[in-house]
Amino acid sequence: MQDNNKLGLWTSTSLVVGNMIGAGVFLLPATLASFGGISIVGWICSAAGAFLLAKVFANLSKLLPGADGGPYAYSQKGLGDFAGFLVAWGYLVSVWCTNAAITVSFISALSTFIPALATNPILAIAIGLATIWFLTWINSLGILTSGILQLVTTILKIIPLVLIGVVGLFYIKLQNFLPFNTSGTSTFAAITATTTLTFFAFLGIECATIPSGSVSNPEKTIARATILGTLVATFVYIVGTVSVMGMIPAQQLQHSVTPFSDAAVLIFGNGAQYWVSAGVAIAAFGALNGFILIQGQIPFAIAKDKLFPAVFAKTNSKGVPIFGIAISSIFVSIFMCMNYTQGLVAQFKFLILLSTLTVLIPYLFSTAAYMILRLQQIFKTTMSFVWAILLATGAFLFSMWMIVGSGQETVYWGFLLSMSSVPIYVWAIWKRDHVKQLPK
C-alpha cells in the first residue's frame, strides 16, 4: 500500500526523467551535427549503456531497499566507508556545479521573453538567485511537494520534444544524414565521441535511488521508476534528435543556437519558437527542482553514517534535511554568480568540466559494489550467476569507456577533485572514533 507522504511510481519516474532531461538536450542536435549521421550510432550505444546501468541501479535498489544516498549507499555497503565517501563528495560537488549551470540555462531561456536578461548581469543574477531560493523553499515543504512539482514540469517539458520529434519524422530528408561520418576521424573515434556526448544526457539515471527512504515500497518502486524513466528519456532523445537532424542540413544545424526551435518553425511556423523556448525554460526549472532535492539527500545520507558534519543530518518538521539543502544552495548561488562576474566566467566553465568525471565515478563504483553484494548471496541457478556477471561486466566496461571518452583533462582534474576530500574524510573518521572513546 502506498504511503501518501512518500514518492510513488510516477513521481519517482519523473525524478529520473526530469533530472535527465535538462535544458542541454535542446542543444544536442547542433552539437552532434558536425559528426554526421554516425551520431545516431552514438545515441544507440549510449542508450544501451544507460540501460545496463539502469538495470544495475534497479537491482541494487532491490538488494538494499530504503538505503538513502543511492550510489553513496551502494558503494559504502559494497566497497567500504572510504569508497562511499569519495562517491558522495564528488557527486555532491558535481550537483552544486550542475545546479549552477542549470540556473544559467534557465536564465538564458527566459531571455527570449525578457531580453534584458541577456544584457543586464545584475538582473540575471537576481532572477537566478530568486529561482534557486524559491525552489529551496519548495523543497523544504516536504518531498511530496517537490515530487508533485517535478511530475508537472516533466510532463510540460517533454511535450514540445515529443511533438517535434514525432511530427518531424514526416519532414525528414535522408540526404541530411549524409555523409555518414563527417568528423574527420575514424569510425570508432567518432562513435566514442558521440557516445560520450550523448551519454551525458542520461546522467541522472540514479536519481530515484537517492531519496530511497522517502519512496513508497522502495524495493519495487525504485527499480520500476529507474527502468521506466530511462525508457522514456531514450525515446524522447532519439526521436527528437533524428527528426531535427533529418529536417535541417548539417551545415546549417551545427551553427544553430536553437535547433529544436528552428525545427518547430519549419513544422508549425514562426510562433512555434516561443513555446519551444518555454519548453527549454521549464526543462531547466524542473531539472533544478529535482537536483535541489538530491543536493540535500546526499549529505543527509553521509551525515547519518557520521562521515560528514552532523548538521547535515538534521531535518525539519516535514522530514526534509533542510540544512543540507540550504548550505548546498549557498554554494550553488556562489557558482552561478561566477558566470556573470567578469574574470570568473572561465572558472565557472572550469568547474563544470571538473564535475564531469565525478558523475561517472559513482557509476563505476556502484557497478563494482553490485558485483560484490551479489556474490555475497546464494545464486538460485547457474544462469542467474552468469547474468549477474555479464551485467556487472558490461556496465563496468561501459563506465570505463565513458571516462576514457571524457578526455585526459577531465580525468586529471576530476581525480584531483576526488582526492581533495581526503582531509575531510580523515577529520570525519577521527571525530567519529574519538567521540566513541570519550568516557560517558
Protein backbone atom coordinates (compact mmCIF):
# COMPACT_ATOMS: atom_id res chain seq x y z
CA MET A 1 0.00 0.00 0.00
CA GLN A 2 1.36 3.44 -0.95
CA ASP A 3 2.19 5.99 1.74
CA ASN A 4 0.65 9.32 0.68
CA ASN A 5 3.57 11.19 2.25
CA LYS A 6 6.15 9.40 0.09
CA LEU A 7 7.09 9.36 -3.57
CA GLY A 8 5.17 6.85 -5.68
CA LEU A 9 5.97 5.32 -9.07
CA TRP A 10 5.09 8.34 -11.20
CA THR A 11 6.78 10.96 -9.04
CA SER A 12 9.88 8.74 -8.76
CA THR A 13 9.88 8.23 -12.53
CA SER A 14 9.55 11.99 -13.04
CA LEU A 15 12.60 12.48 -10.81
CA VAL A 16 14.61 10.24 -13.16
CA VAL A 17 13.22 11.72 -16.40
CA GLY A 18 13.13 15.29 -15.10
CA ASN A 19 16.74 15.25 -13.92
CA MET A 20 17.97 13.58 -17.11
CA ILE A 21 16.10 15.89 -19.50
CA GLY A 22 17.50 19.33 -18.77
CA ALA A 23 17.96 22.36 -20.99
CA GLY A 24 21.12 20.89 -22.56
CA VAL A 25 19.25 18.30 -24.65
CA PHE A 26 17.69 21.13 -26.68
CA LEU A 27 21.19 21.98 -28.00
CA LEU A 28 22.45 18.43 -28.63
CA PRO A 29 21.37 18.16 -32.30
CA ALA A 30 23.55 21.18 -33.12
CA THR A 31 26.49 19.71 -31.18
CA LEU A 32 26.16 16.38 -33.00
CA ALA A 33 25.69 17.88 -36.48
CA SER A 34 29.44 18.13 -37.09
CA PHE A 35 29.74 14.32 -36.78
CA GLY A 36 27.07 13.46 -39.36
CA GLY A 37 24.64 10.55 -39.31
CA ILE A 38 27.08 8.44 -37.26
CA SER A 39 25.88 10.35 -34.19
CA ILE A 40 22.73 8.18 -34.30
CA VAL A 41 25.01 5.19 -33.63
CA GLY A 42 26.38 7.14 -30.67
CA TRP A 43 22.83 7.57 -29.33
CA ILE A 44 22.19 3.83 -29.67
CA CYS A 45 25.44 2.99 -27.83
CA SER A 46 24.80 5.49 -25.02
CA ALA A 47 21.21 4.24 -24.65
CA ALA A 48 22.46 0.64 -24.40
CA GLY A 49 24.99 1.66 -21.73
CA ALA A 50 22.32 3.65 -19.90
CA PHE A 51 20.07 0.58 -19.77
CA LEU A 52 22.91 -1.54 -18.38
CA LEU A 53 23.48 1.00 -15.61
CA ALA A 54 19.75 1.44 -15.05
CA LYS A 55 19.46 -2.32 -14.53
CA VAL A 56 22.39 -2.24 -12.09
CA PHE A 57 20.73 0.52 -10.05
CA ALA A 58 17.36 -1.22 -10.25
CA ASN A 59 18.92 -4.44 -8.89
CA LEU A 60 20.82 -2.56 -6.19
CA SER A 61 17.59 -0.92 -5.03
CA LYS A 62 16.18 -4.42 -4.51
CA LEU A 63 19.31 -5.64 -2.69
CA LEU A 64 19.36 -2.59 -0.38
CA PRO A 65 15.79 -1.22 -0.21
CA GLY A 66 15.41 2.01 1.73
CA ALA A 67 19.16 2.82 1.63
CA ASP A 68 19.33 6.63 1.42
CA GLY A 69 22.01 8.10 -0.81
CA GLY A 70 21.79 5.82 -3.84
CA PRO A 71 25.32 5.47 -5.32
CA TYR A 72 26.85 6.51 -1.98
CA ALA A 73 24.92 3.89 -0.01
CA TYR A 74 25.68 1.15 -2.53
CA SER A 75 29.40 1.99 -2.74
CA GLN A 76 29.66 2.25 1.05
CA LYS A 77 27.99 -1.14 1.61
CA GLY A 78 29.95 -2.91 -1.10
CA LEU A 79 33.36 -1.20 -1.01
CA GLY A 80 33.60 0.41 2.43
CA ASP A 81 33.38 3.86 4.02
CA PHE A 82 36.19 5.50 2.06
CA ALA A 83 34.86 4.48 -1.36
CA GLY A 84 31.39 5.59 -0.34
CA PHE A 85 32.72 8.92 0.88
CA LEU A 86 34.64 9.55 -2.36
CA VAL A 87 31.47 8.89 -4.35
CA ALA A 88 29.33 11.14 -2.13
CA TRP A 89 31.83 14.02 -2.07
CA GLY A 90 32.37 14.06 -5.82
CA TYR A 91 28.66 13.65 -6.51
CA LEU A 92 27.72 16.49 -4.14
CA VAL A 93 30.21 18.94 -5.68
CA SER A 94 29.05 17.87 -9.12
CA VAL A 95 25.42 18.59 -8.19
CA TRP A 96 26.40 22.08 -6.97
CA CYS A 97 28.13 22.82 -10.28
CA THR A 98 25.32 21.23 -12.28
CA ASN A 99 22.66 23.28 -10.49
CA ALA A 100 24.60 26.47 -11.16
CA ALA A 101 24.81 25.57 -14.86
CA ILE A 102 21.10 24.68 -14.99
CA THR A 103 20.24 28.06 -13.45
CA VAL A 104 22.29 29.82 -16.14
CA SER A 105 20.43 27.77 -18.80
CA PHE A 106 17.10 28.76 -17.25
CA ILE A 107 18.00 32.46 -17.36
CA SER A 108 19.20 32.09 -20.96
CA ALA A 109 15.85 30.51 -21.95
CA LEU A 110 13.92 33.27 -20.21
CA SER A 111 15.84 35.90 -22.17
CA THR A 112 13.62 35.04 -25.18
CA PHE A 113 10.74 36.59 -23.24
CA ILE A 114 12.77 39.09 -21.16
CA PRO A 115 15.58 40.34 -23.49
CA ALA A 116 17.18 42.39 -20.70
CA LEU A 117 18.36 39.15 -19.07
CA ALA A 118 20.86 38.71 -21.92
CA THR A 119 22.44 42.14 -21.40
CA ASN A 120 21.94 43.03 -17.73
CA PRO A 121 24.06 40.79 -15.44
CA ILE A 122 22.57 42.28 -12.25
CA LEU A 123 19.04 41.37 -13.37
CA ALA A 124 20.23 37.92 -14.47
CA ILE A 125 21.86 37.27 -11.08
CA ALA A 126 18.74 38.49 -9.24
CA ILE A 127 16.44 36.18 -11.24
CA GLY A 128 18.90 33.31 -10.83
CA LEU A 129 19.12 33.71 -7.05
CA ALA A 130 15.34 34.09 -6.76
CA THR A 131 14.87 30.82 -8.69
CA ILE A 132 17.41 28.88 -6.60
CA TRP A 133 15.94 30.01 -3.30
CA PHE A 134 12.31 29.67 -4.40
CA LEU A 135 12.96 26.02 -5.24
CA THR A 136 14.91 25.61 -1.99
CA TRP A 137 11.78 26.77 -0.18
CA ILE A 138 9.57 24.44 -2.27
CA ASN A 139 11.80 21.51 -1.31
CA SER A 140 11.59 22.48 2.37
CA LEU A 141 7.82 21.85 2.28
CA GLY A 142 8.32 18.10 2.02
CA ILE A 143 9.45 15.59 -0.56
CA LEU A 144 5.89 15.03 -1.79
CA THR A 145 5.51 18.73 -2.69
CA SER A 146 8.76 18.79 -4.66
CA GLY A 147 7.81 15.44 -6.22
CA ILE A 148 4.48 16.80 -7.50
CA LEU A 149 6.23 19.87 -8.96
CA GLN A 150 8.74 17.53 -10.59
CA LEU A 151 5.97 15.47 -12.18
CA VAL A 152 4.19 18.55 -13.59
CA THR A 153 7.36 20.13 -15.03
CA THR A 154 8.48 16.79 -16.50
CA ILE A 155 5.21 16.40 -18.40
CA LEU A 156 5.37 20.00 -19.63
CA LYS A 157 8.99 19.76 -20.77
CA ILE A 158 8.63 16.57 -22.80
CA ILE A 159 5.54 17.77 -24.70
CA PRO A 160 7.50 20.02 -27.15
CA LEU A 161 10.28 17.44 -27.51
CA VAL A 162 7.88 14.59 -28.32
CA LEU A 163 5.70 16.77 -30.54
CA ILE A 164 8.63 17.97 -32.65
CA GLY A 165 10.20 14.51 -32.65
CA VAL A 166 7.12 12.59 -33.77
CA VAL A 167 5.71 15.15 -36.24
CA GLY A 168 9.21 15.89 -37.52
CA LEU A 169 9.60 12.28 -38.70
CA PHE A 170 7.33 13.18 -41.62
CA TYR A 171 9.64 16.06 -42.65
CA ILE A 172 12.91 14.11 -42.70
CA LYS A 173 15.18 14.24 -45.76
CA LEU A 174 17.56 11.27 -45.82
CA GLN A 175 20.32 13.25 -47.57
CA ASN A 176 20.71 15.33 -44.40
CA PHE A 177 22.28 12.27 -42.71
CA LEU A 178 24.98 12.03 -45.39
CA PRO A 179 27.96 11.84 -45.47
CA PHE A 180 27.62 9.37 -42.60
CA ASN A 181 30.87 10.35 -40.83
CA THR A 182 31.92 13.98 -41.24
CA SER A 183 34.06 14.18 -38.09
CA GLY A 184 37.39 13.76 -39.91
CA THR A 185 38.30 10.90 -37.54
CA SER A 186 37.95 7.12 -37.64
CA THR A 187 34.58 5.44 -37.23
CA PHE A 188 35.45 4.19 -33.74
CA ALA A 189 36.73 7.60 -32.63
CA ALA A 190 33.57 9.27 -33.93
CA ILE A 191 31.35 6.71 -32.18
CA THR A 192 33.30 7.17 -28.92
CA ALA A 193 32.97 10.96 -29.12
CA THR A 194 29.24 10.92 -29.94
CA THR A 195 28.51 8.22 -27.34
CA THR A 196 30.25 10.32 -24.67
CA LEU A 197 28.40 13.48 -25.72
CA THR A 198 25.01 11.79 -25.80
CA PHE A 199 25.56 9.76 -22.62
CA PHE A 200 25.79 12.97 -20.59
CA ALA A 201 22.11 13.43 -21.46
CA PHE A 202 21.44 10.23 -19.46
CA LEU A 203 23.17 11.43 -16.28
CA GLY A 204 20.50 11.23 -13.61
CA ILE A 205 19.67 7.54 -14.10
CA GLU A 206 20.40 7.02 -10.42
CA CYS A 207 18.19 9.82 -9.06
CA ALA A 208 15.27 7.63 -7.92
CA THR A 209 17.67 5.64 -5.71
CA ILE A 210 18.95 8.65 -3.74
CA PRO A 211 15.84 9.55 -1.64
CA SER A 212 15.19 5.82 -1.17
CA GLY A 213 13.91 6.16 2.39
CA SER A 214 11.26 8.61 1.16
CA VAL A 215 9.92 6.31 -1.56
CA SER A 216 6.85 4.16 -1.04
CA ASN A 217 7.60 0.43 -1.42
CA PRO A 218 11.21 1.21 -2.47
CA GLU A 219 12.28 -2.34 -3.42
CA LYS A 220 9.70 -2.31 -6.25
CA THR A 221 9.05 1.38 -6.98
CA ILE A 222 12.68 2.46 -7.46
CA ALA A 223 13.53 -0.38 -9.83
CA ARG A 224 10.45 0.27 -11.96
CA ALA A 225 10.96 4.06 -11.95
CA THR A 226 14.62 3.73 -12.98
CA ILE A 227 13.89 1.46 -15.95
CA LEU A 228 10.72 3.33 -17.00
CA GLY A 229 12.47 6.71 -16.71
CA THR A 230 15.37 5.51 -18.87
CA LEU A 231 12.91 4.17 -21.48
CA VAL A 232 11.03 7.49 -21.66
CA ALA A 233 14.23 9.55 -21.91
CA THR A 234 15.66 7.25 -24.61
CA PHE A 235 12.54 7.59 -26.75
CA VAL A 236 12.44 11.39 -26.36
CA TYR A 237 16.16 11.79 -27.11
CA ILE A 238 16.47 9.55 -30.14
CA VAL A 239 13.20 10.52 -31.86
CA GLY A 240 13.85 14.23 -31.25
CA THR A 241 17.45 14.16 -32.46
CA VAL A 242 16.70 12.04 -35.55
CA SER A 243 13.88 14.40 -36.56
CA VAL A 244 15.84 17.62 -36.09
CA MET A 245 18.95 16.28 -37.84
CA GLY A 246 16.80 14.92 -40.65
CA MET A 247 14.96 18.20 -41.15
CA ILE A 248 17.86 20.67 -41.09
CA PRO A 249 21.02 20.30 -43.23
CA ALA A 250 24.15 19.60 -41.14
CA GLN A 251 25.97 22.77 -42.31
CA GLN A 252 23.08 24.90 -41.09
CA LEU A 253 22.35 22.84 -37.99
CA GLN A 254 25.86 22.95 -36.49
CA HIS A 255 25.69 26.77 -36.37
CA SER A 256 22.21 26.86 -34.82
CA VAL A 257 21.85 28.01 -31.21
CA THR A 258 18.19 26.89 -31.09
CA PRO A 259 17.93 23.66 -33.15
CA PHE A 260 14.57 22.50 -31.76
CA SER A 261 13.09 25.99 -32.26
CA ASP A 262 14.36 26.03 -35.85
CA ALA A 263 12.73 22.63 -36.44
CA ALA A 264 9.47 23.79 -34.83
CA VAL A 265 9.36 26.85 -37.11
CA LEU A 266 9.69 24.58 -40.17
CA ILE A 267 6.73 22.49 -38.97
CA PHE A 268 4.40 24.96 -37.23
CA GLY A 269 5.51 28.44 -38.34
CA ASN A 270 7.27 31.38 -36.65
CA GLY A 271 5.22 31.44 -33.44
CA ALA A 272 6.50 27.96 -32.51
CA GLN A 273 9.87 29.28 -31.37
CA TYR A 274 8.25 30.83 -28.29
CA TRP A 275 6.64 27.66 -26.98
CA VAL A 276 9.86 25.74 -27.60
CA SER A 277 11.75 28.40 -25.60
CA ALA A 278 9.12 27.97 -22.89
CA GLY A 279 9.85 24.23 -23.00
CA VAL A 280 13.58 24.91 -22.53
CA ALA A 281 12.83 27.14 -19.54
CA ILE A 282 10.52 24.53 -17.99
CA ALA A 283 13.11 21.80 -18.64
CA ALA A 284 15.76 23.78 -16.77
CA PHE A 285 13.35 24.73 -13.96
CA GLY A 286 12.24 21.11 -13.48
CA ALA A 287 15.78 19.72 -13.54
CA LEU A 288 16.86 22.36 -11.00
CA ASN A 289 13.99 21.37 -8.71
CA GLY A 290 14.96 17.70 -8.93
CA PHE A 291 18.64 18.27 -8.26
CA ILE A 292 17.93 20.63 -5.34
CA LEU A 293 16.04 17.71 -3.80
CA ILE A 294 19.09 15.50 -4.44
CA GLN A 295 21.58 18.04 -3.02
CA GLY A 296 20.01 17.64 0.42
CA GLN A 297 19.68 13.84 0.33
CA ILE A 298 23.36 13.05 -0.40
CA PRO A 299 24.90 14.90 2.61
CA PHE A 300 21.98 13.65 4.74
CA ALA A 301 22.95 10.05 3.98
CA ILE A 302 26.67 10.63 4.69
CA ALA A 303 25.96 12.55 7.90
CA LYS A 304 23.75 9.69 9.19
CA ASP A 305 26.81 7.44 8.89
CA LYS A 306 28.89 10.04 10.79
CA LEU A 307 31.14 10.72 7.79
CA PHE A 308 30.00 14.35 7.43
CA PRO A 309 29.11 17.16 9.87
CA ALA A 310 26.05 16.26 11.97
CA VAL A 311 24.17 19.43 10.94
CA PHE A 312 23.52 17.84 7.52
CA ALA A 313 21.53 15.04 9.19
CA LYS A 314 19.07 17.42 10.86
CA THR A 315 15.56 17.56 9.41
CA ASN A 316 12.64 19.96 9.73
CA SER A 317 9.08 19.06 10.77
CA LYS A 318 8.41 17.73 7.25
CA GLY A 319 11.33 15.30 7.46
CA VAL A 320 13.38 17.34 4.96
CA PRO A 321 17.18 17.70 5.53
CA ILE A 322 16.78 21.45 5.22
CA PHE A 323 20.27 22.41 6.42
CA GLY A 324 21.87 20.27 3.73
CA ILE A 325 19.63 21.80 1.05
CA ALA A 326 20.21 25.37 2.27
CA ILE A 327 24.00 25.05 2.64
CA SER A 328 24.19 23.47 -0.80
CA SER A 329 22.07 26.29 -2.25
CA ILE A 330 24.59 28.80 -0.90
CA PHE A 331 27.35 27.12 -2.93
CA VAL A 332 25.08 26.88 -5.99
CA SER A 333 24.37 30.60 -5.68
CA ILE A 334 28.08 31.44 -5.49
CA PHE A 335 28.93 29.28 -8.51
CA MET A 336 26.04 30.75 -10.51
CA CYS A 337 27.15 34.32 -9.75
CA MET A 338 30.62 33.47 -11.06
CA ASN A 339 29.16 33.06 -14.55
CA TYR A 340 28.04 36.71 -14.55
CA THR A 341 31.20 38.13 -12.98
CA GLN A 342 33.88 39.42 -15.32
CA GLY A 343 37.08 37.45 -14.80
CA LEU A 344 35.31 34.45 -13.26
CA VAL A 345 33.48 33.11 -16.33
CA ALA A 346 36.42 30.86 -17.23
CA GLN A 347 36.49 29.50 -13.66
CA PHE A 348 32.77 28.74 -13.89
CA LYS A 349 33.26 26.74 -17.09
CA PHE A 350 36.21 25.00 -15.45
CA LEU A 351 34.01 23.93 -12.52
CA ILE A 352 31.54 22.35 -14.94
CA LEU A 353 34.39 20.45 -16.59
CA LEU A 354 35.67 19.45 -13.17
CA SER A 355 32.35 17.97 -12.16
CA THR A 356 32.03 15.73 -15.21
CA LEU A 357 34.16 12.83 -14.00
CA THR A 358 32.65 12.90 -10.52
CA VAL A 359 29.34 11.85 -12.05
CA LEU A 360 30.92 8.89 -13.84
CA ILE A 361 32.87 7.59 -10.82
CA PRO A 362 29.68 6.72 -8.86
CA TYR A 363 28.56 4.57 -11.79
CA LEU A 364 31.88 2.74 -11.80
CA PHE A 365 31.90 2.20 -8.03
CA SER A 366 28.21 1.23 -7.91
CA THR A 367 28.78 -1.43 -10.57
CA ALA A 368 31.69 -2.89 -8.61
CA ALA A 369 29.61 -2.78 -5.41
CA TYR A 370 26.75 -4.58 -7.18
CA MET A 371 29.04 -7.44 -8.12
CA ILE A 372 30.38 -7.75 -4.56
CA LEU A 373 26.92 -7.60 -2.95
CA ARG A 374 25.55 -10.05 -5.50
CA LEU A 375 28.38 -12.54 -4.94
CA GLN A 376 27.65 -12.47 -1.20
CA GLN A 377 24.26 -14.02 -1.96
CA ILE A 378 23.45 -17.58 -2.91
CA PHE A 379 22.58 -17.86 -6.61
CA LYS A 380 19.48 -19.94 -7.29
CA THR A 381 20.70 -21.11 -10.69
CA THR A 382 23.88 -21.08 -12.74
CA MET A 383 22.19 -18.75 -15.25
CA SER A 384 21.41 -16.15 -12.59
CA PHE A 385 25.12 -16.13 -11.71
CA VAL A 386 26.08 -15.78 -15.40
CA TRP A 387 23.61 -12.92 -15.95
CA ALA A 388 24.88 -11.07 -12.87
CA ILE A 389 28.47 -11.37 -14.12
CA LEU A 390 27.54 -10.23 -17.64
CA LEU A 391 25.51 -7.25 -16.37
CA ALA A 392 28.22 -6.06 -13.97
CA THR A 393 30.99 -6.54 -16.54
CA GLY A 394 29.05 -4.73 -19.28
CA ALA A 395 28.13 -1.79 -17.05
CA PHE A 396 31.69 -1.54 -15.67
CA LEU A 397 33.32 -1.58 -19.11
CA PHE A 398 30.84 0.98 -20.44
CA SER A 399 31.53 3.31 -17.48
CA MET A 400 35.27 2.97 -18.11
CA TRP A 401 34.72 3.74 -21.80
CA MET A 402 32.83 6.93 -20.91
CA ILE A 403 35.60 8.01 -18.52
CA VAL A 404 38.18 7.49 -21.27
CA GLY A 405 35.95 9.33 -23.74
CA SER A 406 35.60 12.33 -21.44
CA GLY A 407 39.25 13.25 -22.13
CA GLN A 408 42.57 13.50 -20.30
CA GLU A 409 41.94 16.95 -18.83
CA THR A 410 38.60 15.89 -17.33
CA VAL A 411 40.15 12.75 -15.79
CA TYR A 412 43.11 14.73 -14.42
CA TRP A 413 41.09 17.45 -12.70
CA GLY A 414 38.35 15.03 -11.66
CA PHE A 415 40.93 12.89 -9.87
CA LEU A 416 42.28 15.95 -8.04
CA LEU A 417 38.74 16.93 -7.01
CA SER A 418 38.12 13.44 -5.60
CA MET A 419 41.42 13.45 -3.68
CA SER A 420 40.69 16.91 -2.24
CA SER A 421 38.14 15.23 0.01
CA VAL A 422 40.73 13.05 1.80
CA PRO A 423 41.42 15.58 4.64
CA ILE A 424 37.65 15.89 5.24
CA TYR A 425 37.36 12.11 5.44
CA VAL A 426 40.31 11.86 7.86
CA TRP A 427 38.73 14.54 10.07
CA ALA A 428 35.33 12.79 9.99
CA ILE A 429 36.80 9.40 10.93
CA TRP A 430 38.91 10.92 13.71
CA LYS A 431 35.92 12.74 15.15
CA ARG A 432 33.69 9.66 14.91
CA ASP A 433 36.21 7.35 16.57
CA HIS A 434 37.31 9.96 19.11
CA VAL A 435 33.72 10.51 20.26
CA LYS A 436 33.33 6.74 20.71
CA GLN A 437 36.31 6.65 23.02
CA LEU A 438 35.15 9.51 25.27
CA PRO A 439 34.01 8.37 28.75
CA LYS A 440 30.27 8.54 29.32
